[in-house]
Amino acid sequence: MKNKQLKMRISERRLNKIRMYAAHADKTLTQVLEELIDSLPTIERGNSSSINIAE
């Protein structure tokens, strides 16, 4: 898997919140964001009404 970079703008309040959570969970910001993304439902292409919940 080739890794990509993501650059985004985020409020200082939200950045501090995720940093605090990551420190409390003993995880990196990348790990926290990857876990959040992985928890999102998977949407099938071509059928906007069909959503599979990722486990």
PDB file of N, CA and C in Angstrom:
ATOM      1  N   MET A   1       0.846  -1.175   0.000  1.00  0.00           N
ATOM      2  CA  MET A   1       0.000   0.000   0.000  1.00  0.00           C
ATOM      3  C   MET A   1       0.892   1.238   0.000  1.00  0.00           C
ATOM      4  N   LYS A   2       0.614   2.139  -0.910  1.00  0.00           N
ATOM      5  CA  LYS A   2       1.356   3.389  -0.966  1.00  0.00           C
ATOM      6  C   LYS A   2       0.652   4.417  -0.084  1.00  0.00           C
ATOM      7  N   ASN A   3       1.396   4.997   0.826  1.00  0.00           N
ATOM      8  CA  ASN A   3       0.825   5.997   1.732  1.00  0.00           C
ATOM      9  C   ASN A   3       0.720   7.347   1.044  1.00  0.00           C
ATOM     10  N   LYS A   4      -0.325   8.056   1.353  1.00  0.00           N
ATOM     11  CA  LYS A   4      -0.556   9.411   0.845  1.00  0.00           C
ATOM     12  C   LYS A   4      -0.578  10.361   2.031  1.00  0.00           C
ATOM     13  N   GLN A   5      -0.416  11.630   1.749  1.00  0.00           N
ATOM     14  CA  GLN A   5      -0.498  12.643   2.790  1.00  0.00           C
ATOM     15  C   GLN A   5      -1.813  13.391   2.661  1.00  0.00           C
ATOM     16  N   LEU A   6      -2.297  13.857   3.799  1.00  0.00           N
ATOM     17  CA  LEU A   6      -3.508  14.652   3.848  1.00  0.00           C
ATOM     18  C   LEU A   6      -3.187  15.950   4.569  1.00  0.00           C
ATOM     19  N   LYS A   7      -3.471  17.041   3.915  1.00  0.00           N
ATOM     20  CA  LYS A   7      -3.272  18.350   4.530  1.00  0.00           C
ATOM     21  C   LYS A   7      -4.650  18.966   4.688  1.00  0.00           C
ATOM     22  N   MET A   8      -4.961  19.406   5.887  1.00  0.00           N
ATOM     23  CA  MET A   8      -6.281  19.979   6.111  1.00  0.00           C
ATOM     24  C   MET A   8      -6.208  21.139   7.093  1.00  0.00           C
ATOM     25  N   ARG A   9      -7.194  21.987   7.009  1.00  0.00           N
ATOM     26  CA  ARG A   9      -7.330  23.086   7.964  1.00  0.00           C
ATOM     27  C   ARG A   9      -8.301  22.642   9.035  1.00  0.00           C
ATOM     28  N   ILE A  10      -7.948  22.932  10.270  1.00  0.00           N
ATOM     29  CA  ILE A  10      -8.788  22.538  11.397  1.00  0.00           C
ATOM     30  C   ILE A  10      -8.632  23.596  12.485  1.00  0.00           C
ATOM     31  N   SER A  11      -9.685  23.808  13.231  1.00  0.00           N
ATOM     32  CA  SER A  11      -9.600  24.821  14.291  1.00  0.00           C
ATOM     33  C   SER A  11      -8.626  24.358  15.371  1.00  0.00           C
ATOM     34  N   GLU A  12      -8.060  25.322  16.051  1.00  0.00           N
ATOM     35  CA  GLU A  12      -7.126  25.009  17.133  1.00  0.00           C
ATOM     36  C   GLU A  12      -7.820  24.200  18.221  1.00  0.00           C
ATOM     37  N   ARG A  13      -9.078  24.508  18.478  1.00  0.00           N
ATOM     38  CA  ARG A  13      -9.843  23.772  19.494  1.00  0.00           C
ATOM     39  C   ARG A  13      -9.951  22.292  19.119  1.00  0.00           C
ATOM     40  N   ARG A  14     -10.286  22.013  17.860  1.00  0.00           N
ATOM     41  CA  ARG A  14     -10.412  20.621  17.424  1.00  0.00           C
ATOM     42  C   ARG A  14      -9.060  19.911  17.404  1.00  0.00           C
ATOM     43  N   LEU A  15      -8.027  20.620  16.974  1.00  0.00           N
ATOM     44  CA  LEU A  15      -6.693  20.025  16.972  1.00  0.00           C
ATOM     45  C   LEU A  15      -6.271  19.660  18.390  1.00  0.00           C
ATOM     46  N   ASN A  16      -6.493  20.556  19.332  1.00  0.00           N
ATOM     47  CA  ASN A  16      -6.153  20.267  20.723  1.00  0.00           C
ATOM     48  C   ASN A  16      -6.965  19.094  21.255  1.00  0.00           C
ATOM     49  N   LYS A  17      -8.232  19.024  20.864  1.00  0.00           N
ATOM     50  CA  LYS A  17      -9.098  17.933  21.319  1.00  0.00           C
ATOM     51  C   LYS A  17      -8.574  16.586  20.830  1.00  0.00           C
ATOM     52  N   ILE A  18      -8.205  16.499  19.556  1.00  0.00           N
ATOM     53  CA  ILE A  18      -7.715  15.228  19.033  1.00  0.00           C
ATOM     54  C   ILE A  18      -6.335  14.894  19.587  1.00  0.00           C
ATOM     55  N   ARG A  19      -5.521  15.904  19.826  1.00  0.00           N
ATOM     56  CA  ARG A  19      -4.209  15.662  20.448  1.00  0.00           C
ATOM     57  C   ARG A  19      -4.370  15.112  21.866  1.00  0.00           C
ATOM     58  N   MET A  20      -5.293  15.697  22.610  1.00  0.00           N
ATOM     59  CA  MET A  20      -5.540  15.226  23.977  1.00  0.00           C
ATOM     60  C   MET A  20      -6.058  13.788  23.965  1.00  0.00           C
ATOM     61  N   TYR A  21      -6.987  13.495  23.055  1.00  0.00           N
ATOM     62  CA  TYR A  21      -7.521  12.142  22.951  1.00  0.00           C
ATOM     63  C   TYR A  21      -6.416  11.160  22.589  1.00  0.00           C
ATOM     64  N   ALA A  22      -5.593  11.515  21.614  1.00  0.00           N
ATOM     65  CA  ALA A  22      -4.510  10.630  21.182  1.00  0.00           C
ATOM     66  C   ALA A  22      -3.533  10.374  22.326  1.00  0.00           C
ATOM     67  N   ALA A  23      -3.189  11.392  23.063  1.00  0.00           N
ATOM     68  CA  ALA A  23      -2.276  11.224  24.186  1.00  0.00           C
ATOM     69  C   ALA A  23      -2.895  10.338  25.258  1.00  0.00           C
ATOM     70  N   HIS A  24      -4.167  10.559  25.545  1.00  0.00           N
ATOM     71  CA  HIS A  24      -4.860   9.755  26.549  1.00  0.00           C
ATOM     72  C   HIS A  24      -4.949   8.292  26.124  1.00  0.00           C
ATOM     73  N   ALA A  25      -5.167   8.052  24.831  1.00  0.00           N
ATOM     74  CA  ALA A  25      -5.293   6.688  24.308  1.00  0.00           C
ATOM     75  C   ALA A  25      -3.932   6.090  23.951  1.00  0.00           C
ATOM     76  N   ASP A  26      -2.862   6.845  24.155  1.00  0.00           N
ATOM     77  CA  ASP A  26      -1.504   6.419  23.818  1.00  0.00           C
ATOM     78  C   ASP A  26      -1.415   6.004  22.346  1.00  0.00           C
ATOM     79  N   LYS A  27      -1.937   6.878  21.479  1.00  0.00           N
ATOM     80  CA  LYS A  27      -1.932   6.642  20.039  1.00  0.00           C
ATOM     81  C   LYS A  27      -1.426   7.887  19.334  1.00  0.00           C
ATOM     82  N   THR A  28      -1.014   7.710  18.079  1.00  0.00           N
ATOM     83  CA  THR A  28      -0.627   8.862  17.276  1.00  0.00           C
ATOM     84  C   THR A  28      -1.878   9.482  16.672  1.00  0.00           C
ATOM     85  N   LEU A  29      -1.753  10.716  16.186  1.00  0.00           N
ATOM     86  CA  LEU A  29      -2.874  11.353  15.503  1.00  0.00           C
ATOM     87  C   LEU A  29      -3.274  10.527  14.281  1.00  0.00           C
ATOM     88  N   THR A  30      -2.298   9.985  13.581  1.00  0.00           N
ATOM     89  CA  THR A  30      -2.585   9.152  12.413  1.00  0.00           C
ATOM     90  C   THR A  30      -3.415   7.939  12.812  1.00  0.00           C
ATOM     91  N   GLN A  31      -3.050   7.271  13.889  1.00  0.00           N
ATOM     92  CA  GLN A  31      -3.814   6.098  14.338  1.00  0.00           C
ATOM     93  C   GLN A  31      -5.247   6.466  14.689  1.00  0.00           C
ATOM     94  N   VAL A  32      -5.430   7.566  15.376  1.00  0.00           N
ATOM     95  CA  VAL A  32      -6.777   8.002  15.765  1.00  0.00           C
ATOM     96  C   VAL A  32      -7.612   8.291  14.519  1.00  0.00           C
ATOM     97  N   LEU A  33      -7.049   9.022  13.568  1.00  0.00           N
ATOM     98  CA  LEU A  33      -7.794   9.367  12.363  1.00  0.00           C
ATOM     99  C   LEU A  33      -8.073   8.137  11.500  1.00  0.00           C
ATOM    100  N   GLU A  34      -7.115   7.221  11.385  1.00  0.00           N
ATOM    101  CA  GLU A  34      -7.336   5.991  10.614  1.00  0.00           C
ATOM    102  C   GLU A  34      -8.450   5.158  11.231  1.00  0.00           C
ATOM    103  N   GLU A  35      -8.471   5.049  12.549  1.00  0.00           N
ATOM    104  CA  GLU A  35      -9.528   4.280  13.217  1.00  0.00           C
ATOM    105  C   GLU A  35     -10.893   4.934  13.007  1.00  0.00           C
ATOM    106  N   LEU A  36     -10.934   6.251  13.058  1.00  0.00           N
ATOM    107  CA  LEU A  36     -12.193   6.964  12.813  1.00  0.00           C
ATOM    108  C   LEU A  36     -12.675   6.728  11.382  1.00  0.00           C
ATOM    109  N   ILE A  37     -11.771   6.855  10.428  1.00  0.00           N
ATOM    110  CA  ILE A  37     -12.123   6.636   9.024  1.00  0.00           C
ATOM    111  C   ILE A  37     -12.589   5.200   8.811  1.00  0.00           C
ATOM    112  N   ASP A  38     -11.894   4.239   9.397  1.00  0.00           N
ATOM    113  CA  ASP A  38     -12.272   2.828   9.248  1.00  0.00           C
ATOM    114  C   ASP A  38     -13.639   2.530   9.862  1.00  0.00           C
ATOM    115  N   SER A  39     -14.072   3.339  10.824  1.00  0.00           N
ATOM    116  CA  SER A  39     -15.365   3.105  11.470  1.00  0.00           C
ATOM    117  C   SER A  39     -16.538   3.655  10.655  1.00  0.00           C
ATOM    118  N   LEU A  40     -16.250   4.438   9.614  1.00  0.00           N
ATOM    119  CA  LEU A  40     -17.307   4.994   8.776  1.00  0.00           C
ATOM    120  C   LEU A  40     -17.928   3.894   7.918  1.00  0.00           C
ATOM    121  N   PRO A  41     -19.220   4.028   7.598  1.00  0.00           N
ATOM    122  CA  PRO A  41     -19.858   3.021   6.743  1.00  0.00           C
ATOM    123  C   PRO A  41     -19.279   3.079   5.330  1.00  0.00           C
ATOM    124  N   THR A  42     -19.257   1.927   4.661  1.00  0.00           N
ATOM    125  CA  THR A  42     -18.805   1.842   3.282  1.00  0.00           C
ATOM    126  C   THR A  42     -20.005   2.026   2.364  1.00  0.00           C
ATOM    127  N   ILE A  43     -19.887   2.947   1.439  1.00  0.00           N
ATOM    128  CA  ILE A  43     -20.976   3.220   0.510  1.00  0.00           C
ATOM    129  C   ILE A  43     -20.644   2.563  -0.819  1.00  0.00           C
ATOM    130  N   GLU A  44     -21.563   1.759  -1.329  1.00  0.00           N
ATOM    131  CA  GLU A  44     -21.352   1.085  -2.605  1.00  0.00           C
ATOM    132  C   GLU A  44     -21.517   2.079  -3.740  1.00  0.00           C
ATOM    133  N   ARG A  45     -20.680   1.966  -4.741  1.00  0.00           N
ATOM    134  CA  ARG A  45     -20.772   2.845  -5.920  1.00  0.00           C
ATOM    135  C   ARG A  45     -21.991   2.482  -6.749  1.00  0.00           C
ATOM    136  N   GLY A  46     -22.624   3.487  -7.305  1.00  0.00           N
ATOM    137  CA  GLY A  46     -23.733   3.263  -8.208  1.00  0.00           C
ATOM    138  C   GLY A  46     -25.072   3.056  -7.533  1.00  0.00           C
ATOM    139  N   ASN A  47     -25.098   2.999  -6.209  1.00  0.00           N
ATOM    140  CA  ASN A  47     -26.361   2.812  -5.501  1.00  0.00           C
ATOM    141  C   ASN A  47     -26.319   3.655  -4.242  1.00  0.00           C
ATOM    142  N   SER A  48     -26.800   4.878  -4.328  1.00  0.00           N
ATOM    143  CA  SER A  48     -26.681   5.818  -3.222  1.00  0.00           C
ATOM    144  C   SER A  48     -27.526   5.432  -2.022  1.00  0.00           C
ATOM    145  N   SER A  49     -28.470   4.481  -2.187  1.00  0.00           N
ATOM    146  CA  SER A  49     -29.316   4.087  -1.062  1.00  0.00           C
ATOM    147  C   SER A  49     -28.751   2.895  -0.299  1.00  0.00           C
ATOM    148  N   SER A  50     -27.678   2.306  -0.800  1.00  0.00           N
ATOM    149  CA  SER A  50     -27.125   1.103  -0.186  1.00  0.00           C
ATOM    150  C   SER A  50     -25.880   1.448   0.623  1.00  0.00           C
ATOM    151  N   ILE A  51     -25.918   1.152   1.907  1.00  0.00           N
ATOM    152  CA  ILE A  51     -24.772   1.410   2.786  1.00  0.00           C
ATOM    153  C   ILE A  51     -24.453   0.144   3.550  1.00  0.00           C
ATOM    154  N   ASN A  52     -23.181  -0.273   3.475  1.00  0.00           N
ATOM    155  CA  ASN A  52     -22.716  -1.422   4.253  1.00  0.00           C
ATOM    156  C   ASN A  52     -21.944  -0.893   5.452  1.00  0.00           C
ATOM    157  N   ILE A  53     -22.257  -1.382   6.616  1.00  0.00           N
ATOM    158  CA  ILE A  53     -21.553  -0.953   7.816  1.00  0.00           C
ATOM    159  C   ILE A  53     -20.283  -1.769   7.944  1.00  0.00           C
ATOM    160  N   ALA A  54     -19.122  -1.068   8.002  1.00  0.00           N
ATOM    161  CA  ALA A  54     -17.835  -1.741   8.140  1.00  0.00           C
ATOM    162  C   ALA A  54     -17.705  -2.283   9.556  1.00  0.00           C
ATOM    163  N   GLU A  55     -17.168  -3.482   9.667  1.00  0.00           N
ATOM    164  CA  GLU A  55     -16.966  -4.080  10.998  1.00  0.00           C
ATOM    165  C   GLU A  55     -15.524  -4.141  11.341  1.00  0.00           C
TER     166      GLU A  55
END
